[in-house]
PDB file of N, CA and C in Angstrom:
ATOM      1  N   MET A   1       0.850  -1.185   0.000  1.00  0.00           N
ATOM      2  CA  MET A   1       0.000   0.000   0.000  1.00  0.00           C
ATOM      3  C   MET A   1       0.885   1.234   0.000  1.00  0.00           C
ATOM      4  N   ALA A   2       0.713   2.084  -0.983  1.00  0.00           N
ATOM      5  CA  ALA A   2       1.444   3.341  -1.048  1.00  0.00           C
ATOM      6  C   ALA A   2       0.511   4.469  -0.635  1.00  0.00           C
ATOM      7  N   LYS A   3       1.055   5.447   0.098  1.00  0.00           N
ATOM      8  CA  LYS A   3       0.267   6.595   0.537  1.00  0.00           C
ATOM      9  C   LYS A   3       0.973   7.878   0.121  1.00  0.00           C
ATOM     10  N   PHE A   4       0.166   8.856  -0.299  1.00  0.00           N
ATOM     11  CA  PHE A   4       0.707  10.125  -0.761  1.00  0.00           C
ATOM     12  C   PHE A   4      -0.069  11.281  -0.138  1.00  0.00           C
ATOM     13  N   LYS A   5       0.645  12.287   0.344  1.00  0.00           N
ATOM     14  CA  LYS A   5      -0.004  13.542   0.700  1.00  0.00           C
ATOM     15  C   LYS A   5      -0.204  14.299  -0.597  1.00  0.00           C
ATOM     16  N   VAL A   6      -1.454  14.782  -0.819  1.00  0.00           N
ATOM     17  CA  VAL A   6      -1.792  15.388  -2.102  1.00  0.00           C
ATOM     18  C   VAL A   6      -2.446  16.753  -1.881  1.00  0.00           C
ATOM     19  N   ALA A   7      -2.023  17.741  -2.651  1.00  0.00           N
ATOM     20  CA  ALA A   7      -2.558  19.099  -2.563  1.00  0.00           C
ATOM     21  C   ALA A   7      -3.821  19.244  -3.407  1.00  0.00           C
ATOM     22  N   ASN A   8      -4.631  20.215  -3.080  1.00  0.00           N
ATOM     23  CA  ASN A   8      -5.801  20.661  -3.847  1.00  0.00           C
ATOM     24  C   ASN A   8      -7.012  19.750  -3.742  1.00  0.00           C
ATOM     25  N   ILE A   9      -6.996  18.766  -2.853  1.00  0.00           N
ATOM     26  CA  ILE A   9      -8.197  17.958  -2.649  1.00  0.00           C
ATOM     27  C   ILE A   9      -8.998  18.659  -1.558  1.00  0.00           C
ATOM     28  N   ASN A  10     -10.167  19.180  -1.932  1.00  0.00           N
ATOM     29  CA  ASN A  10     -10.951  19.973  -0.998  1.00  0.00           C
ATOM     30  C   ASN A  10     -12.198  19.270  -0.460  1.00  0.00           C
ATOM     31  N   CYS A  11     -12.742  18.345  -1.225  1.00  0.00           N
ATOM     32  CA  CYS A  11     -14.041  17.784  -0.831  1.00  0.00           C
ATOM     33  C   CYS A  11     -14.246  16.419  -1.475  1.00  0.00           C
ATOM     34  N   GLU A  12     -15.420  15.857  -1.216  1.00  0.00           N
ATOM     35  CA  GLU A  12     -15.765  14.552  -1.768  1.00  0.00           C
ATOM     36  C   GLU A  12     -15.764  14.573  -3.294  1.00  0.00           C
ATOM     37  N   ASN A  13     -16.164  15.705  -3.885  1.00  0.00           N
ATOM     38  CA  ASN A  13     -16.161  15.790  -5.345  1.00  0.00           C
ATOM     39  C   ASN A  13     -14.755  15.644  -5.908  1.00  0.00           C
ATOM     40  N   CYS A  14     -13.777  16.239  -5.237  1.00  0.00           N
ATOM     41  CA  CYS A  14     -12.380  16.093  -5.667  1.00  0.00           C
ATOM     42  C   CYS A  14     -11.965  14.630  -5.566  1.00  0.00           C
ATOM     43  N   ALA A  15     -12.307  14.000  -4.455  1.00  0.00           N
ATOM     44  CA  ALA A  15     -11.959  12.582  -4.260  1.00  0.00           C
ATOM     45  C   ALA A  15     -12.588  11.724  -5.350  1.00  0.00           C
ATOM     46  N   ASN A  16     -13.851  12.021  -5.675  1.00  0.00           N
ATOM     47  CA  ASN A  16     -14.526  11.251  -6.716  1.00  0.00           C
ATOM     48  C   ASN A  16     -13.904  11.483  -8.086  1.00  0.00           C
ATOM     49  N   THR A  17     -13.448  12.702  -8.341  1.00  0.00           N
ATOM     50  CA  THR A  17     -12.766  12.984  -9.611  1.00  0.00           C
ATOM     51  C   THR A  17     -11.521  12.116  -9.746  1.00  0.00           C
ATOM     52  N   ILE A  18     -10.747  12.026  -8.676  1.00  0.00           N
ATOM     53  CA  ILE A  18      -9.544  11.190  -8.698  1.00  0.00           C
ATOM     54  C   ILE A  18      -9.912   9.739  -8.942  1.00  0.00           C
ATOM     55  N   LYS A  19     -10.905   9.263  -8.216  1.00  0.00           N
ATOM     56  CA  LYS A  19     -11.302   7.855  -8.356  1.00  0.00           C
ATOM     57  C   LYS A  19     -11.803   7.561  -9.767  1.00  0.00           C
ATOM     58  N   ARG A  20     -12.693   8.409 -10.279  1.00  0.00           N
ATOM     59  CA  ARG A  20     -13.255   8.170 -11.615  1.00  0.00           C
ATOM     60  C   ARG A  20     -12.176   8.239 -12.689  1.00  0.00           C
ATOM     61  N   SER A  21     -11.196   9.096 -12.495  1.00  0.00           N
ATOM     62  CA  SER A  21     -10.176   9.290 -13.528  1.00  0.00           C
ATOM     63  C   SER A  21      -9.102   8.211 -13.510  1.00  0.00           C
ATOM     64  N   LEU A  22      -8.795   7.673 -12.327  1.00  0.00           N
ATOM     65  CA  LEU A  22      -7.602   6.832 -12.230  1.00  0.00           C
ATOM     66  C   LEU A  22      -7.843   5.402 -11.772  1.00  0.00           C
ATOM     67  N   GLU A  23      -9.022   5.080 -11.244  1.00  0.00           N
ATOM     68  CA  GLU A  23      -9.217   3.720 -10.724  1.00  0.00           C
ATOM     69  C   GLU A  23      -9.206   2.660 -11.822  1.00  0.00           C
ATOM     70  N   ASP A  24      -9.672   2.983 -13.020  1.00  0.00           N
ATOM     71  CA  ASP A  24      -9.639   1.988 -14.087  1.00  0.00           C
ATOM     72  C   ASP A  24      -8.209   1.554 -14.380  1.00  0.00           C
ATOM     73  N   GLU A  25      -7.277   2.473 -14.277  1.00  0.00           N
ATOM     74  CA  GLU A  25      -5.887   2.173 -14.600  1.00  0.00           C
ATOM     75  C   GLU A  25      -5.094   1.654 -13.411  1.00  0.00           C
ATOM     76  N   PHE A  26      -5.385   2.182 -12.211  1.00  0.00           N
ATOM     77  CA  PHE A  26      -4.537   1.861 -11.062  1.00  0.00           C
ATOM     78  C   PHE A  26      -5.228   1.037  -9.984  1.00  0.00           C
ATOM     79  N   GLY A  27      -6.495   0.729 -10.147  1.00  0.00           N
ATOM     80  CA  GLY A  27      -7.208  -0.055  -9.138  1.00  0.00           C
ATOM     81  C   GLY A  27      -7.807   0.845  -8.069  1.00  0.00           C
ATOM     82  N   LYS A  28      -8.318   0.215  -7.012  1.00  0.00           N
ATOM     83  CA  LYS A  28      -9.032   0.946  -5.977  1.00  0.00           C
ATOM     84  C   LYS A  28      -8.145   2.015  -5.331  1.00  0.00           C
ATOM     85  N   ILE A  29      -8.711   3.223  -5.221  1.00  0.00           N
ATOM     86  CA  ILE A  29      -8.007   4.361  -4.627  1.00  0.00           C
ATOM     87  C   ILE A  29      -8.832   4.865  -3.454  1.00  0.00           C
ATOM     88  N   ASP A  30      -8.188   5.051  -2.319  1.00  0.00           N
ATOM     89  CA  ASP A  30      -8.849   5.631  -1.153  1.00  0.00           C
ATOM     90  C   ASP A  30      -8.332   7.042  -0.938  1.00  0.00           C
ATOM     91  N   VAL A  31      -9.245   7.957  -0.562  1.00  0.00           N
ATOM     92  CA  VAL A  31      -8.874   9.336  -0.252  1.00  0.00           C
ATOM     93  C   VAL A  31      -9.348   9.642   1.165  1.00  0.00           C
ATOM     94  N   ASP A  32      -8.424   9.961   2.051  1.00  0.00           N
ATOM     95  CA  ASP A  32      -8.757  10.299   3.437  1.00  0.00           C
ATOM     96  C   ASP A  32      -8.988  11.803   3.527  1.00  0.00           C
ATOM     97  N   LEU A  33     -10.269  12.179   3.690  1.00  0.00           N
ATOM     98  CA  LEU A  33     -10.624  13.598   3.753  1.00  0.00           C
ATOM     99  C   LEU A  33     -10.577  14.142   5.176  1.00  0.00           C
ATOM    100  N   SER A  34     -10.174  13.309   6.139  1.00  0.00           N
ATOM    101  CA  SER A  34     -10.181  13.742   7.541  1.00  0.00           C
ATOM    102  C   SER A  34      -8.854  14.363   7.964  1.00  0.00           C
ATOM    103  N   VAL A  35      -7.874  14.348   7.082  1.00  0.00           N
ATOM    104  CA  VAL A  35      -6.569  14.910   7.416  1.00  0.00           C
ATOM    105  C   VAL A  35      -6.204  15.996   6.417  1.00  0.00           C
ATOM    106  N   GLU A  36      -5.292  16.865   6.813  1.00  0.00           N
ATOM    107  CA  GLU A  36      -4.832  17.941   5.930  1.00  0.00           C
ATOM    108  C   GLU A  36      -3.311  17.955   5.921  1.00  0.00           C
ATOM    109  N   PRO A  37      -2.626  17.849   4.805  1.00  0.00           N
ATOM    110  CA  PRO A  37      -3.187  17.623   3.478  1.00  0.00           C
ATOM    111  C   PRO A  37      -3.823  16.236   3.371  1.00  0.00           C
ATOM    112  N   ARG A  38      -4.710  16.102   2.411  1.00  0.00           N
ATOM    113  CA  ARG A  38      -5.416  14.836   2.197  1.00  0.00           C
ATOM    114  C   ARG A  38      -4.428  13.739   1.825  1.00  0.00           C
ATOM    115  N   VAL A  39      -4.802  12.506   2.172  1.00  0.00           N
ATOM    116  CA  VAL A  39      -3.947  11.366   1.891  1.00  0.00           C
ATOM    117  C   VAL A  39      -4.657  10.440   0.910  1.00  0.00           C
ATOM    118  N   VAL A  40      -3.961  10.119  -0.173  1.00  0.00           N
ATOM    119  CA  VAL A  40      -4.445   9.194  -1.180  1.00  0.00           C
ATOM    120  C   VAL A  40      -3.654   7.901  -1.021  1.00  0.00           C
ATOM    121  N   SER A  41      -4.358   6.782  -0.945  1.00  0.00           N
ATOM    122  CA  SER A  41      -3.672   5.498  -0.793  1.00  0.00           C
ATOM    123  C   SER A  41      -4.206   4.496  -1.794  1.00  0.00           C
ATOM    124  N   LEU A  42      -3.309   3.647  -2.244  1.00  0.00           N
ATOM    125  CA  LEU A  42      -3.667   2.606  -3.212  1.00  0.00           C
ATOM    126  C   LEU A  42      -2.581   1.555  -3.242  1.00  0.00           C
ATOM    127  N   ASP A  43      -2.960   0.373  -3.712  1.00  0.00           N
ATOM    128  CA  ASP A  43      -1.967  -0.666  -3.947  1.00  0.00           C
ATOM    129  C   ASP A  43      -1.372  -0.406  -5.315  1.00  0.00           C
ATOM    130  N   ILE A  44      -0.063  -0.162  -5.345  1.00  0.00           N
ATOM    131  CA  ILE A  44       0.581   0.170  -6.615  1.00  0.00           C
ATOM    132  C   ILE A  44       2.010  -0.362  -6.597  1.00  0.00           C
ATOM    133  N   GLU A  45       2.450  -0.841  -7.739  1.00  0.00           N
ATOM    134  CA  GLU A  45       3.824  -1.309  -7.842  1.00  0.00           C
ATOM    135  C   GLU A  45       4.753  -0.103  -7.984  1.00  0.00           C
ATOM    136  N   ASP A  46       5.964  -0.264  -7.458  1.00  0.00           N
ATOM    137  CA  ASP A  46       6.938   0.835  -7.492  1.00  0.00           C
ATOM    138  C   ASP A  46       7.131   1.395  -8.898  1.00  0.00           C
ATOM    139  N   LYS A  47       7.115   0.525  -9.900  1.00  0.00           N
ATOM    140  CA  LYS A  47       7.370   0.970 -11.274  1.00  0.00           C
ATOM    141  C   LYS A  47       6.263   1.886 -11.803  1.00  0.00           C
ATOM    142  N   ASP A  48       5.084   1.850 -11.176  1.00  0.00           N
ATOM    143  CA  ASP A  48       3.962   2.647 -11.655  1.00  0.00           C
ATOM    144  C   ASP A  48       3.768   3.953 -10.889  1.00  0.00           C
ATOM    145  N   ILE A  49       4.546   4.169  -9.840  1.00  0.00           N
ATOM    146  CA  ILE A  49       4.335   5.335  -8.975  1.00  0.00           C
ATOM    147  C   ILE A  49       4.539   6.650  -9.729  1.00  0.00           C
ATOM    148  N   GLU A  50       5.582   6.788 -10.499  1.00  0.00           N
ATOM    149  CA  GLU A  50       5.832   8.053 -11.209  1.00  0.00           C
ATOM    150  C   GLU A  50       4.717   8.336 -12.207  1.00  0.00           C
ATOM    151  N   ARG A  51       4.227   7.300 -12.874  1.00  0.00           N
ATOM    152  CA  ARG A  51       3.126   7.480 -13.831  1.00  0.00           C
ATOM    153  C   ARG A  51       1.854   7.901 -13.094  1.00  0.00           C
ATOM    154  N   PHE A  52       1.593   7.296 -11.923  1.00  0.00           N
ATOM    155  CA  PHE A  52       0.428   7.686 -11.122  1.00  0.00           C
ATOM    156  C   PHE A  52       0.527   9.148 -10.715  1.00  0.00           C
ATOM    157  N   LYS A  53       1.693   9.562 -10.213  1.00  0.00           N
ATOM    158  CA  LYS A  53       1.884  10.944  -9.781  1.00  0.00           C
ATOM    159  C   LYS A  53       1.693  11.904 -10.954  1.00  0.00           C
ATOM    160  N   SER A  54       2.190  11.538 -12.115  1.00  0.00           N
ATOM    161  CA  SER A  54       2.061  12.385 -13.299  1.00  0.00           C
ATOM    162  C   SER A  54       0.595  12.521 -13.712  1.00  0.00           C
ATOM    163  N   GLU A  55      -0.134  11.417 -13.718  1.00  0.00           N
ATOM    164  CA  GLU A  55      -1.533  11.474 -14.137  1.00  0.00           C
ATOM    165  C   GLU A  55      -2.393  12.203 -13.107  1.00  0.00           C
ATOM    166  N   LEU A  56      -2.048  12.062 -11.831  1.00  0.00           N
ATOM    167  CA  LEU A  56      -2.750  12.808 -10.788  1.00  0.00           C
ATOM    168  C   LEU A  56      -2.523  14.312 -10.978  1.00  0.00           C
ATOM    169  N   ASP A  57      -1.301  14.682 -11.303  1.00  0.00           N
ATOM    170  CA  ASP A  57      -0.964  16.083 -11.546  1.00  0.00           C
ATOM    171  C   ASP A  57      -1.727  16.625 -12.753  1.00  0.00           C
ATOM    172  N   GLU A  58      -1.880  15.803 -13.788  1.00  0.00           N
ATOM    173  CA  GLU A  58      -2.581  16.237 -15.001  1.00  0.00           C
ATOM    174  C   GLU A  58      -4.035  16.598 -14.739  1.00  0.00           C
ATOM    175  N   ILE A  59      -4.655  15.981 -13.714  1.00  0.00           N
ATOM    176  CA  ILE A  59      -6.049  16.330 -13.412  1.00  0.00           C
ATOM    177  C   ILE A  59      -6.131  17.346 -12.273  1.00  0.00           C
ATOM    178  N   GLY A  60      -4.969  17.932 -11.896  1.00  0.00           N
ATOM    179  CA  GLY A  60      -4.985  19.070 -10.995  1.00  0.00           C
ATOM    180  C   GLY A  60      -4.646  18.810  -9.546  1.00  0.00           C
ATOM    181  N   PHE A  61      -4.125  17.629  -9.264  1.00  0.00           N
ATOM    182  CA  PHE A  61      -3.796  17.310  -7.872  1.00  0.00           C
ATOM    183  C   PHE A  61      -2.316  16.932  -7.772  1.00  0.00           C
ATOM    184  N   GLU A  62      -1.565  17.770  -7.075  1.00  0.00           N
ATOM    185  CA  GLU A  62      -0.119  17.573  -6.987  1.00  0.00           C
ATOM    186  C   GLU A  62       0.246  16.738  -5.763  1.00  0.00           C
ATOM    187  N   VAL A  63       1.083  15.717  -5.981  1.00  0.00           N
ATOM    188  CA  VAL A  63       1.594  14.932  -4.862  1.00  0.00           C
ATOM    189  C   VAL A  63       2.639  15.767  -4.134  1.00  0.00           C
ATOM    190  N   ILE A  64       2.433  15.960  -2.835  1.00  0.00           N
ATOM    191  CA  ILE A  64       3.383  16.704  -2.007  1.00  0.00           C
ATOM    192  C   ILE A  64       4.540  15.796  -1.609  1.00  0.00           C
ATOM    193  N   GLU A  65       4.188  14.609  -1.145  1.00  0.00           N
ATOM    194  CA  GLU A  65       5.210  13.632  -0.794  1.00  0.00           C
ATOM    195  C   GLU A  65       4.575  12.268  -0.622  1.00  0.00           C
ATOM    196  N   GLN A  66       5.411  11.252  -0.781  1.00  0.00           N
ATOM    197  CA  GLN A  66       4.975   9.889  -0.482  1.00  0.00           C
ATOM    198  C   GLN A  66       5.237   9.642   0.991  1.00  0.00           C
ATOM    199  N   ILE A  67       4.291   9.016   1.680  1.00  0.00           N
ATOM    200  CA  ILE A  67       4.459   8.756   3.109  1.00  0.00           C
ATOM    201  C   ILE A  67       4.419   7.275   3.402  1.00  0.00           C
TER     202      ILE A  67
END
């Protein structure tokens, strides 16, 4: 399980945008809206992490750091 602190996630609609845009490619994605910055977690192989971060950035959500 990889976890990322992600900027610009403000509400459930943002979380749903991420899920709808990326779950087909990367599998189930969880967004924790109870913490700031928000935390996105998913099962992902190391080789796919940079591609995930890039695609997340393309839809407007920047990864701050992997935790």
